[in-house]
Amino acid sequence: ALPIYLPGWRYPVVVDLAGLELPDSVPPLTNHENRTTSRVGVVSARVEDHALVIEGEIVSASNQAQGIVDQAKAGADWQLSIGAEVKDAELVAKGRARDVNGHQQEGPFYHVKASVLREVSVVAVGADVTTRLKVAAHFELTGFQGDDVMGDQTVKTNQNSDAMDKAAVEVQPEGKEAVKVVSAVSGDTATS
């Protein structure tokens, strides 16, 4: 994994996941926009095998959230980017190396030794190109009889072809679509 180049930093940045403080919940935003309309759900974070793993749900009915869900259903790849408050960083000079997140990194780079995760953003192109957002939709359609289970989707239907056609396009009648972010894993070493 490579260090990431970020605006405002002269050299690449590597966030040490061992020093990343993880709150109980983190707001998922669109494009790092700190606006109430940019929040699209609820997520939690954990470090696993030198990677940051994000889990939660996209529950907003906003246009941004709907766009993320629609494009993910159509097969589009989304990436993730974190917003962190840096508490302690050190410049590792050229010609020096340091082991961070299980990888040997060659200087020069900024080693972010202590930070606090403030938000996770869904972005089209992240600074760390190894991130991926995996979305598993869970549909619950009301007003039907019986249950059909299809892969990651549980659909309530009445077993006739009209209901099956309707189930394929109708999602939660009140316009609330809960889409579970099953596993969104950041790359080994960096943030965007």
Protein backbone atom coordinates (compact mmCIF):
# COMPACT_ATOMS: atom_id res chain seq x y z
CA ALA A 1 0.00 0.00 0.00
CA LEU A 2 1.21 3.44 -0.88
CA PRO A 3 1.09 6.64 1.14
CA ILE A 4 -1.56 9.08 -0.03
CA TYR A 5 -1.01 12.60 -1.37
CA LEU A 6 -3.38 15.10 0.27
CA PRO A 7 -3.92 18.81 -0.26
CA GLY A 8 -2.07 20.87 2.32
CA TRP A 9 0.56 18.24 3.07
CA ARG A 10 3.98 18.60 1.43
CA TYR A 11 4.66 14.85 1.49
CA PRO A 12 2.41 11.79 1.38
CA VAL A 13 0.43 10.86 4.49
CA VAL A 14 0.11 7.50 6.26
CA VAL A 15 -2.45 7.21 9.07
CA ASP A 16 -1.36 4.72 11.70
CA LEU A 17 -4.49 2.69 12.43
CA ALA A 18 -3.08 1.67 15.83
CA GLY A 19 -3.28 5.34 16.83
CA LEU A 20 -6.68 6.05 15.26
CA GLU A 21 -9.30 6.69 17.94
CA LEU A 22 -12.65 5.23 16.87
CA PRO A 23 -15.87 6.71 18.31
CA ASP A 24 -18.87 4.41 18.86
CA SER A 25 -20.56 5.83 15.76
CA VAL A 26 -19.34 7.97 12.90
CA PRO A 27 -21.41 10.06 10.49
CA PRO A 28 -21.28 8.88 6.87
CA LEU A 29 -21.23 11.90 4.58
CA THR A 30 -21.18 12.54 0.86
CA ASN A 31 -17.94 14.10 -0.40
CA HIS A 32 -16.78 15.33 3.05
CA GLU A 33 -19.51 17.97 3.06
CA ASN A 34 -20.26 19.02 6.63
CA ARG A 35 -23.97 19.73 6.11
CA THR A 36 -26.98 18.01 7.61
CA THR A 37 -28.25 17.14 4.12
CA SER A 38 -24.95 15.37 3.35
CA ARG A 39 -25.33 12.83 6.16
CA VAL A 40 -26.63 9.61 4.63
CA GLY A 41 -26.81 7.15 7.52
CA VAL A 42 -25.13 5.64 10.55
CA VAL A 43 -21.87 3.66 10.62
CA SER A 44 -19.37 2.23 13.04
CA ALA A 45 -15.69 1.52 12.47
CA ARG A 46 -13.14 -1.04 13.61
CA VAL A 47 -9.58 -1.98 12.70
CA GLU A 48 -9.15 -5.51 11.39
CA ASP A 49 -6.01 -7.02 9.79
CA HIS A 50 -4.35 -3.60 9.33
CA ALA A 51 -7.43 -2.17 7.59
CA LEU A 52 -10.25 0.12 8.64
CA VAL A 53 -13.61 -1.65 8.33
CA ILE A 54 -16.79 0.42 8.21
CA GLU A 55 -20.25 -1.09 8.79
CA GLY A 56 -23.65 0.53 8.98
CA GLU A 57 -26.71 1.63 7.06
CA ILE A 58 -27.58 4.22 4.47
CA VAL A 59 -30.98 5.34 5.76
CA SER A 60 -31.42 8.86 4.46
CA ALA A 61 -34.14 9.66 1.92
CA SER A 62 -32.02 12.50 0.46
CA ASN A 63 -31.17 12.76 -3.21
CA GLN A 64 -27.49 12.12 -2.42
CA ALA A 65 -28.29 8.90 -0.55
CA GLN A 66 -30.66 7.76 -3.29
CA GLY A 67 -27.98 8.41 -5.90
CA ILE A 68 -25.47 6.28 -3.98
CA VAL A 69 -27.99 3.44 -3.65
CA ASP A 70 -29.20 3.61 -7.27
CA GLN A 71 -25.70 3.62 -8.71
CA ALA A 72 -24.57 0.81 -6.41
CA LYS A 73 -27.55 -1.30 -7.50
CA ALA A 74 -26.56 -0.63 -11.12
CA GLY A 75 -23.07 -1.96 -10.39
CA ALA A 76 -21.13 1.28 -9.89
CA ASP A 77 -18.15 1.19 -7.56
CA TRP A 78 -18.03 3.74 -4.77
CA GLN A 79 -14.99 4.47 -2.67
CA LEU A 80 -14.63 5.65 0.90
CA SER A 81 -12.57 8.43 2.36
CA ILE A 82 -12.06 9.29 6.00
CA GLY A 83 -11.95 12.63 7.74
CA ALA A 84 -9.74 12.52 10.81
CA GLU A 85 -8.51 15.04 13.35
CA VAL A 86 -4.72 14.74 13.53
CA LYS A 87 -3.40 14.74 17.11
CA ASP A 88 0.25 13.78 16.46
CA ALA A 89 2.19 13.53 13.20
CA GLU A 90 5.86 13.13 12.42
CA LEU A 91 7.79 13.61 9.20
CA VAL A 92 9.78 10.52 8.29
CA ALA A 93 12.75 11.83 6.32
CA LYS A 94 13.95 10.70 2.92
CA GLY A 95 16.24 7.70 3.22
CA ARG A 96 14.47 6.45 6.36
CA ALA A 97 11.79 3.80 6.64
CA ARG A 98 9.13 2.91 9.17
CA ASP A 99 6.73 0.01 9.65
CA VAL A 100 3.15 1.35 9.70
CA ASN A 101 0.02 -0.82 9.54
CA GLY A 102 2.07 -3.92 8.77
CA HIS A 103 3.91 -2.37 5.81
CA GLN A 104 7.38 -0.89 5.49
CA GLN A 105 7.03 2.71 4.29
CA GLU A 106 9.92 4.63 2.76
CA GLY A 107 10.34 8.33 3.56
CA PRO A 108 9.65 11.04 3.03
CA PHE A 109 6.11 10.80 4.38
CA TYR A 110 4.06 12.10 7.28
CA HIS A 111 3.34 9.40 9.84
CA VAL A 112 0.07 10.32 11.54
CA LYS A 113 0.67 8.55 14.84
CA ALA A 114 -2.46 9.71 16.69
CA SER A 115 -5.78 10.85 15.25
CA VAL A 116 -9.54 10.74 15.84
CA LEU A 117 -11.93 9.46 13.18
CA ARG A 118 -14.50 12.24 12.65
CA GLU A 119 -16.38 11.09 9.55
CA VAL A 120 -16.42 8.65 6.66
CA SER A 121 -17.41 9.89 3.21
CA VAL A 122 -18.75 8.12 0.18
CA VAL A 123 -16.82 9.49 -2.80
CA ALA A 124 -16.53 8.69 -6.49
CA VAL A 125 -12.72 8.73 -6.41
CA GLY A 126 -10.85 8.50 -3.12
CA ALA A 127 -7.22 9.32 -2.46
CA ASP A 128 -6.75 5.64 -1.54
CA VAL A 129 -7.83 3.79 -4.69
CA THR A 130 -7.95 0.45 -2.84
CA THR A 131 -11.11 1.37 -0.90
CA ARG A 132 -14.44 -0.15 -1.92
CA LEU A 133 -17.98 0.32 -0.69
CA LYS A 134 -19.97 -2.90 -0.77
CA VAL A 135 -23.70 -2.37 -0.48
CA ALA A 136 -26.19 -5.14 0.29
CA ALA A 137 -29.78 -4.01 -0.08
CA HIS A 138 -32.44 -5.38 2.24
CA PHE A 139 -35.91 -4.78 0.88
CA GLU A 140 -39.05 -5.16 2.99
CA LEU A 141 -42.16 -4.65 0.94
CA THR A 142 -45.40 -4.45 2.86
CA GLY A 143 -48.91 -5.31 1.73
CA PHE A 144 -48.02 -8.75 0.35
CA GLN A 145 -48.38 -12.31 1.66
CA GLY A 146 -45.60 -14.88 1.99
CA ASP A 147 -41.82 -14.50 1.98
CA ASP A 148 -39.37 -15.15 -0.83
CA VAL A 149 -35.67 -14.99 -0.09
CA MET A 150 -33.43 -14.00 -2.99
CA GLY A 151 -29.74 -13.72 -2.15
CA ASP A 152 -29.18 -10.71 0.11
CA GLN A 153 -32.75 -9.52 -0.45
CA THR A 154 -35.81 -10.62 1.53
CA VAL A 155 -38.95 -9.80 -0.44
CA LYS A 156 -42.51 -10.32 0.81
CA THR A 157 -44.75 -11.37 -2.09
CA ASN A 158 -48.04 -13.15 -2.79
CA GLN A 159 -46.57 -15.64 -5.29
CA ASN A 160 -48.18 -14.26 -8.45
CA SER A 161 -46.30 -12.74 -11.37
CA ASP A 162 -47.77 -9.25 -10.86
CA ALA A 163 -46.46 -9.18 -7.28
CA MET A 164 -43.02 -10.39 -8.39
CA ASP A 165 -42.84 -7.62 -11.00
CA LYS A 166 -43.88 -5.07 -8.40
CA ALA A 167 -41.37 -6.41 -5.88
CA ALA A 168 -38.56 -5.91 -8.35
CA VAL A 169 -39.13 -2.18 -8.55
CA GLU A 170 -40.92 -1.10 -5.36
CA VAL A 171 -38.87 -0.40 -2.25
CA GLN A 172 -40.30 0.52 1.16
CA PRO A 173 -43.52 2.37 0.37
CA GLU A 174 -42.84 5.41 2.60
CA GLY A 175 -39.75 6.21 0.52
CA LYS A 176 -37.39 5.02 3.23
CA GLU A 177 -34.87 2.59 1.88
CA ALA A 178 -32.51 1.00 4.35
CA VAL A 179 -29.38 -0.13 2.60
CA LYS A 180 -26.88 -1.90 4.76
CA VAL A 181 -23.23 -1.19 4.15
CA VAL A 182 -21.97 -4.68 4.78
CA SER A 183 -18.28 -4.14 4.49
CA ALA A 184 -16.49 -1.04 3.41
CA VAL A 185 -12.79 -1.55 3.86
CA SER A 186 -10.20 1.16 3.66
CA GLY A 187 -6.83 0.37 2.17
CA ASP A 188 -3.96 -0.66 4.40
CA THR A 189 -2.33 2.61 5.22
CA ALA A 190 -3.88 5.85 4.24
CA THR A 191 -6.76 8.24 4.29
CA SER A 192 -8.08 10.76 1.85
